[in-house]
Amino acid sequence: MAQAMFFEPLEDLGVKCNLCPHHCKIKPGKKGICRVRSNQAGSLITSNYGQVASLALDPIEKKPLYHFFPGNMLLSAGTYGCNLSCSFCQNYALAHDTPATRFIPPETLVLVAEQSRSSGSIGVAFTYNEPSVWYEYIWDCSQLLKNRGQKVVLVTNGYIETRPLEQLLPFIDALNIDVKAFRNDFYRRLCKGALAPVINTVERAARHTHVEITTLIIPGDNDQLEDIEALAKWLASIRKEIPLHLSRYHPAYHYDRPPTPESTLMQAREAARIHLPFVYLGNTGLGNDTRCLNCQALLIRRSYYRTEMVHFEEGRCTSCGAEIDYIIA
């Protein structure tokens, strides 16, 4: 356990957590919505500091990040807990259960990351569950990792308050942010959250660092083409080269909708491409190549997590010579 950041005392030894938009008011002996921040005698304590439930070496495309050091690996770490309650959670064993963990202090995680360089790793991704509820551990680890020249990645639902987000962003190299739908009623009904804080996170993060977006397409819930086009139009207003990953849903947790048809994903991609040039389809083998915006030459060929550089070398298209500033490598 460790002292939590971003809270204020209330009367009768209560505390108010200010890490995320829920602003949980927690009585002594009770926990917040995330299940990992609790009030102990009027102080907010985090129970998952250094508690690693999953640690693996993953292709960077699995995050998914397609325009950030493609073809490399990341040491991926996760704990337990989440500050949303999505009925369709694709990783509920970590988000909503209490899995077995092992304590890995920040210095040890950095050492493992350094050892992973020989396997092609360029840094650490905090992923699997919601990383913002692991804030204190990530805060300590990210600074150590940056000092060793390691990249730091967050795969997040974006449900975090502005102050902790802005404090952490200087130590983050890339984020994949999950925009679950472009309707607030979807967030309220299926996630017990709100859309506006996620919009705030995307817009602020995109000013500082590399951002890619993922939306899990659920049949009958967030697959309306007008909403997908509106999402793409908003992202293009921030930066038109932001990659959007439209991911195939599979039944999980408390939700039993059928898997997303491939035809739905392809229609959604066409709607998004009205505004965004880079729209990829996740959990499928469909159409995930990257082409040069200048000459349409094939830059990167992908088959699931296998990546082949075709006309992309040293930040340029080798077909037309154009500078490729929308892919970090």
Protein backbone atom coordinates (compact mmCIF):
# COMPACT_ATOMS: atom_id res chain seq x y z
CA MET A 1 0.00 0.00 0.00
CA ALA A 2 1.05 3.59 -0.56
CA GLN A 3 -0.17 7.10 0.07
CA ALA A 4 -2.46 8.20 -2.74
CA MET A 5 -2.15 11.50 -4.55
CA PHE A 6 -4.92 13.98 -5.41
CA PHE A 7 -7.36 13.94 -2.51
CA GLU A 8 -8.73 16.35 0.05
CA PRO A 9 -9.97 15.78 3.61
CA LEU A 10 -13.65 16.02 4.53
CA GLU A 11 -15.39 16.20 7.89
CA ASP A 12 -15.65 13.10 10.10
CA LEU A 13 -12.39 11.69 8.64
CA GLY A 14 -13.90 11.44 5.19
CA VAL A 15 -11.86 12.07 2.03
CA LYS A 16 -12.67 13.20 -1.50
CA CYS A 17 -10.61 11.64 -4.29
CA ASN A 18 -9.78 14.04 -7.11
CA LEU A 19 -7.95 11.65 -9.44
CA CYS A 20 -10.88 11.00 -11.76
CA PRO A 21 -14.18 12.68 -12.59
CA HIS A 22 -16.15 10.50 -10.16
CA HIS A 23 -14.75 12.55 -7.24
CA CYS A 24 -15.59 9.73 -4.84
CA LYS A 25 -16.38 10.84 -1.29
CA ILE A 26 -15.07 7.97 0.77
CA LYS A 27 -15.88 7.24 4.40
CA PRO A 28 -13.29 5.64 6.72
CA GLY A 29 -12.81 1.97 5.88
CA LYS A 30 -14.49 2.27 2.49
CA LYS A 31 -13.21 2.18 -1.11
CA GLY A 32 -13.81 4.32 -4.18
CA ILE A 33 -15.41 3.12 -7.40
CA CYS A 34 -12.02 1.97 -8.73
CA ARG A 35 -11.70 -0.51 -5.79
CA VAL A 36 -8.03 0.35 -5.25
CA ARG A 37 -8.23 3.66 -3.37
CA SER A 38 -9.51 3.47 0.19
CA ASN A 39 -9.92 5.71 3.19
CA GLN A 40 -7.80 4.62 6.13
CA ALA A 41 -8.27 6.85 9.16
CA GLY A 42 -8.84 9.96 7.06
CA SER A 43 -6.03 9.35 4.56
CA LEU A 44 -6.41 8.06 1.01
CA ILE A 45 -4.39 4.91 0.41
CA THR A 46 -3.81 3.02 -2.83
CA SER A 47 -3.70 -0.76 -2.50
CA ASN A 48 -2.24 -1.65 -5.91
CA TYR A 49 1.08 0.22 -5.77
CA GLY A 50 3.65 -2.09 -7.37
CA GLN A 51 1.17 -4.95 -7.49
CA VAL A 52 1.68 -6.42 -10.96
CA ALA A 53 -0.97 -8.85 -12.17
CA SER A 54 0.32 -9.23 -15.72
CA LEU A 55 3.75 -8.66 -17.28
CA ALA A 56 4.54 -9.60 -20.87
CA LEU A 57 6.51 -8.58 -23.93
CA ASP A 58 4.04 -7.49 -26.62
CA PRO A 59 4.24 -6.17 -30.18
CA ILE A 60 3.62 -2.44 -30.09
CA GLU A 61 0.80 -2.98 -32.62
CA LYS A 62 -1.11 -4.92 -29.95
CA LYS A 63 -1.71 -1.79 -27.85
CA PRO A 64 -2.76 -0.83 -30.57
CA LEU A 65 -0.22 1.74 -31.75
CA TYR A 66 0.39 1.74 -35.52
CA HIS A 67 2.20 5.07 -35.96
CA PHE A 68 4.58 4.85 -33.00
CA PHE A 69 7.81 2.91 -33.59
CA PRO A 70 6.08 0.25 -35.74
CA GLY A 71 7.50 -3.24 -35.63
CA ASN A 72 8.99 -2.88 -32.15
CA MET A 73 8.08 -4.46 -28.81
CA LEU A 74 6.97 -3.09 -25.46
CA LEU A 75 7.20 -4.55 -21.99
CA SER A 76 3.55 -4.45 -20.92
CA ALA A 77 2.48 -4.24 -17.29
CA GLY A 78 -0.92 -4.23 -15.64
CA THR A 79 -2.51 -4.41 -12.22
CA TYR A 80 -6.17 -4.57 -11.17
CA GLY A 81 -8.97 -2.04 -10.85
CA CYS A 82 -10.85 0.36 -13.12
CA ASN A 83 -12.83 3.56 -12.66
CA LEU A 84 -15.48 2.66 -15.25
CA SER A 85 -17.99 -0.19 -15.08
CA CYS A 86 -18.41 -1.26 -18.69
CA SER A 87 -20.93 -4.08 -19.10
CA PHE A 88 -18.98 -5.34 -22.13
CA CYS A 89 -15.48 -5.22 -20.54
CA GLN A 90 -13.04 -7.21 -22.65
CA ASN A 91 -10.53 -7.59 -19.80
CA TYR A 92 -12.81 -7.95 -16.78
CA ALA A 93 -10.55 -10.42 -14.95
CA LEU A 94 -8.16 -7.54 -14.21
CA ALA A 95 -10.58 -4.62 -14.28
CA HIS A 96 -13.25 -6.01 -11.99
CA ASP A 97 -11.87 -9.10 -10.25
CA THR A 98 -8.94 -9.34 -7.84
CA PRO A 99 -6.26 -11.43 -9.56
CA ALA A 100 -3.06 -12.76 -8.06
CA THR A 101 -0.26 -10.18 -8.09
CA ARG A 102 3.42 -9.92 -7.29
CA PHE A 103 5.16 -6.85 -5.93
CA ILE A 104 7.59 -5.27 -8.39
CA PRO A 105 9.10 -2.00 -7.16
CA PRO A 106 9.74 0.73 -9.75
CA GLU A 107 13.50 0.12 -9.79
CA THR A 108 12.93 -3.56 -10.60
CA LEU A 109 10.47 -2.79 -13.37
CA VAL A 110 13.04 -0.48 -14.95
CA LEU A 111 15.66 -3.22 -14.69
CA VAL A 112 13.34 -5.69 -16.44
CA ALA A 113 12.67 -3.07 -19.12
CA GLU A 114 16.41 -2.62 -19.65
CA GLN A 115 16.87 -6.38 -19.98
CA SER A 116 14.03 -6.50 -22.52
CA ARG A 117 15.91 -4.25 -24.94
CA SER A 118 17.70 -7.33 -26.27
CA SER A 119 14.27 -8.68 -27.32
CA GLY A 120 13.40 -5.54 -29.25
CA SER A 121 11.59 -3.65 -26.51
CA ILE A 122 11.76 0.14 -26.55
CA GLY A 123 9.96 0.83 -23.28
CA VAL A 124 7.00 0.04 -21.04
CA ALA A 125 3.27 0.13 -21.71
CA PHE A 126 0.94 0.39 -18.74
CA THR A 127 -2.05 -1.52 -20.01
CA TYR A 128 -4.42 -4.50 -19.53
CA ASN A 129 -6.46 -2.75 -16.82
CA GLU A 130 -7.04 1.00 -16.48
CA PRO A 131 -3.59 2.55 -15.80
CA SER A 132 -4.86 5.82 -14.30
CA VAL A 133 -5.92 3.96 -11.13
CA TRP A 134 -2.25 2.88 -10.85
CA TYR A 135 -1.26 6.53 -10.91
CA GLU A 136 1.26 6.66 -8.07
CA TYR A 137 3.20 3.66 -9.37
CA ILE A 138 3.21 4.99 -12.94
CA TRP A 139 4.28 8.40 -11.67
CA ASP A 140 7.34 6.88 -9.98
CA CYS A 141 8.15 4.42 -12.79
CA SER A 142 7.75 6.85 -15.68
CA GLN A 143 10.38 9.25 -14.37
CA LEU A 144 12.89 6.44 -13.85
CA LEU A 145 12.13 5.01 -17.29
CA LYS A 146 12.57 8.37 -19.01
CA ASN A 147 15.93 8.82 -17.30
CA ARG A 148 17.04 5.54 -18.91
CA GLY A 149 15.84 6.51 -22.39
CA GLN A 150 12.85 4.18 -22.28
CA LYS A 151 9.52 5.03 -23.92
CA VAL A 152 6.43 5.18 -21.71
CA VAL A 153 3.01 4.30 -23.10
CA LEU A 154 -0.48 4.40 -21.57
CA VAL A 155 -3.42 2.38 -22.88
CA THR A 156 -6.25 4.15 -21.11
CA ASN A 157 -9.95 4.91 -21.00
CA GLY A 158 -9.07 8.60 -20.62
CA TYR A 159 -11.26 8.99 -17.52
CA ILE A 160 -8.94 11.18 -15.49
CA GLU A 161 -9.04 14.72 -14.13
CA THR A 162 -7.10 17.52 -15.79
CA ARG A 163 -4.56 18.19 -13.02
CA PRO A 164 -3.21 14.63 -12.66
CA LEU A 165 -3.27 14.22 -16.44
CA GLU A 166 -1.25 17.39 -17.06
CA GLN A 167 1.21 16.44 -14.34
CA LEU A 168 1.89 13.04 -15.90
CA LEU A 169 1.93 13.92 -19.61
CA PRO A 170 5.54 15.23 -19.72
CA PHE A 171 6.70 11.69 -18.90
CA ILE A 172 4.45 9.92 -21.43
CA ASP A 173 5.53 9.27 -25.04
CA ALA A 174 2.31 7.83 -26.46
CA LEU A 175 -1.26 7.04 -25.49
CA ASN A 176 -3.93 4.86 -26.96
CA ILE A 177 -7.16 6.32 -25.59
CA ASP A 178 -10.37 4.32 -25.64
CA VAL A 179 -13.28 6.48 -26.80
CA LYS A 180 -16.07 4.01 -26.17
CA ALA A 181 -18.71 5.91 -28.12
CA PHE A 182 -19.41 9.45 -29.20
CA ARG A 183 -22.63 9.67 -27.19
CA ASN A 184 -22.87 10.57 -23.52
CA ASP A 185 -25.90 8.30 -23.01
CA PHE A 186 -23.74 5.30 -24.01
CA TYR A 187 -21.21 6.18 -21.31
CA ARG A 188 -23.93 6.74 -18.73
CA ARG A 189 -25.90 3.58 -19.57
CA LEU A 190 -23.13 1.04 -20.21
CA CYS A 191 -20.02 2.44 -18.49
CA LYS A 192 -21.36 4.43 -15.51
CA GLY A 193 -19.33 7.41 -16.70
CA ALA A 194 -19.48 10.43 -19.00
CA LEU A 195 -18.06 11.37 -22.39
CA ALA A 196 -16.91 14.94 -21.65
CA PRO A 197 -13.88 14.00 -19.48
CA VAL A 198 -12.65 11.64 -22.20
CA ILE A 199 -12.94 14.40 -24.79
CA ASN A 200 -10.91 16.63 -22.48
CA THR A 201 -8.21 13.96 -22.11
CA VAL A 202 -7.88 13.38 -25.86
CA GLU A 203 -7.65 17.07 -26.66
CA ARG A 204 -5.09 17.80 -23.94
CA ALA A 205 -2.98 14.72 -24.57
CA ALA A 206 -2.82 15.38 -28.32
CA ARG A 207 -1.21 18.78 -27.63
CA HIS A 208 1.69 17.11 -25.81
CA THR A 209 2.38 13.69 -27.26
CA HIS A 210 1.47 10.95 -29.73
CA VAL A 211 -2.17 9.83 -29.49
CA GLU A 212 -4.12 7.05 -31.17
CA ILE A 213 -7.79 6.26 -30.54
CA THR A 214 -9.65 2.97 -30.21
CA THR A 215 -13.40 2.44 -30.36
CA LEU A 216 -14.86 -1.02 -29.78
CA ILE A 217 -17.79 -1.31 -32.20
CA ILE A 218 -20.74 -3.04 -30.50
CA PRO A 219 -23.67 -4.00 -32.75
CA GLY A 220 -26.79 -2.03 -31.95
CA ASP A 221 -25.10 0.19 -29.36
CA ASN A 222 -22.41 2.39 -30.94
CA ASP A 223 -22.31 1.29 -34.58
CA GLN A 224 -24.43 4.11 -35.98
CA LEU A 225 -22.54 5.52 -38.96
CA GLU A 226 -23.47 9.13 -38.20
CA ASP A 227 -21.89 8.81 -34.74
CA ILE A 228 -18.72 7.25 -36.12
CA GLU A 229 -18.43 10.01 -38.68
CA ALA A 230 -18.95 12.61 -35.93
CA LEU A 231 -16.18 10.99 -33.88
CA ALA A 232 -13.84 11.10 -36.87
CA LYS A 233 -14.74 14.71 -37.65
CA TRP A 234 -13.92 15.74 -34.07
CA LEU A 235 -10.59 13.90 -34.15
CA ALA A 236 -9.70 15.51 -37.47
CA SER A 237 -10.35 18.93 -35.91
CA ILE A 238 -7.59 18.13 -33.41
CA ARG A 239 -5.17 16.63 -35.94
CA LYS A 240 -6.27 14.86 -39.09
CA GLU A 241 -3.42 12.31 -38.93
CA ILE A 242 -4.63 10.81 -35.61
CA PRO A 243 -5.04 7.05 -36.21
CA LEU A 244 -8.46 5.64 -35.34
CA HIS A 245 -8.76 1.93 -34.53
CA LEU A 246 -12.27 0.51 -34.92
CA SER A 247 -12.15 -2.76 -33.06
CA ARG A 248 -14.33 -5.85 -33.37
CA TYR A 249 -16.41 -6.66 -30.29
CA HIS A 250 -16.72 -10.19 -28.89
CA PRO A 251 -19.21 -11.14 -26.14
CA ALA A 252 -17.63 -10.69 -22.71
CA TYR A 253 -18.41 -10.04 -19.07
CA HIS A 254 -22.13 -9.14 -18.65
CA TYR A 255 -22.86 -8.51 -22.32
CA ASP A 256 -24.02 -11.05 -24.87
CA ARG A 257 -24.46 -9.12 -28.10
CA PRO A 258 -23.18 -11.13 -31.11
CA PRO A 259 -19.68 -10.33 -32.45
CA THR A 260 -19.40 -7.35 -34.75
CA PRO A 261 -19.95 -8.36 -38.39
CA GLU A 262 -17.04 -7.57 -40.67
CA SER A 263 -19.43 -5.68 -42.94
CA THR A 264 -20.29 -3.32 -40.06
CA LEU A 265 -16.61 -2.60 -39.45
CA MET A 266 -15.98 -1.92 -43.11
CA GLN A 267 -18.93 0.48 -43.31
CA ALA A 268 -17.74 2.21 -40.15
CA ARG A 269 -14.26 2.58 -41.64
CA GLU A 270 -15.65 4.24 -44.74
CA ALA A 271 -17.69 6.66 -42.61
CA ALA A 272 -14.61 7.59 -40.57
CA ARG A 273 -12.44 7.96 -43.69
CA ILE A 274 -14.56 10.90 -44.78
CA HIS A 275 -12.52 12.89 -42.25
CA LEU A 276 -9.51 10.73 -41.26
CA PRO A 277 -6.95 9.14 -43.61
CA PHE A 278 -5.80 6.50 -41.13
CA VAL A 279 -8.59 4.20 -39.96
CA TYR A 280 -7.71 0.65 -38.94
CA LEU A 281 -9.84 -2.39 -38.08
CA GLY A 282 -8.89 -4.19 -34.86
CA ASN A 283 -9.39 -7.87 -34.00
CA THR A 284 -9.50 -8.68 -37.72
CA GLY A 285 -6.98 -9.18 -40.49
CA LEU A 286 -8.69 -6.57 -42.65
CA GLY A 287 -7.11 -3.56 -44.28
CA ASN A 288 -4.52 -2.42 -41.77
CA ASP A 289 -1.79 -1.31 -44.14
CA THR A 290 -0.50 2.28 -44.04
CA ARG A 291 -0.08 4.28 -47.24
CA CYS A 292 1.76 7.51 -48.00
CA LEU A 293 -0.51 10.53 -47.91
CA ASN A 294 1.44 12.09 -50.77
CA CYS A 295 1.67 9.29 -53.36
CA GLN A 296 -0.40 6.43 -51.84
CA ALA A 297 2.57 4.05 -51.98
CA LEU A 298 2.44 1.23 -49.43
CA LEU A 299 4.52 2.33 -46.43
CA ILE A 300 3.79 -0.46 -43.94
CA ARG A 301 2.18 -3.84 -44.57
CA ARG A 302 0.44 -5.48 -41.57
CA SER A 303 -1.07 -8.88 -40.95
CA TYR A 304 -2.40 -8.90 -37.41
CA TYR A 305 0.77 -8.14 -35.38
CA ARG A 306 3.25 -8.89 -38.15
CA THR A 307 4.69 -5.69 -39.62
CA GLU A 308 6.75 -5.17 -42.77
CA MET A 309 8.29 -1.85 -43.80
CA VAL A 310 7.82 -1.50 -47.57
CA HIS A 311 8.36 2.11 -48.65
CA PHE A 312 9.07 3.58 -45.21
CA GLU A 313 12.66 4.27 -44.22
CA GLU A 314 14.24 6.89 -41.95
CA GLY A 315 11.05 8.93 -41.74
CA ARG A 316 10.50 9.17 -45.50
CA CYS A 317 8.52 7.49 -48.24
CA THR A 318 11.09 5.78 -50.45
CA SER A 319 8.67 5.93 -53.37
CA CYS A 320 8.14 9.70 -53.60
CA GLY A 321 10.60 11.04 -51.04
CA ALA A 322 7.93 12.76 -48.92
CA GLU A 323 8.68 13.29 -45.24
CA ILE A 324 6.45 11.07 -43.10
CA ASP A 325 5.95 13.15 -39.95
CA TYR A 326 2.79 11.29 -38.95
CA ILE A 327 4.70 8.14 -38.03
CA ILE A 328 7.20 8.26 -35.16
CA ALA A 329 10.08 5.86 -35.68
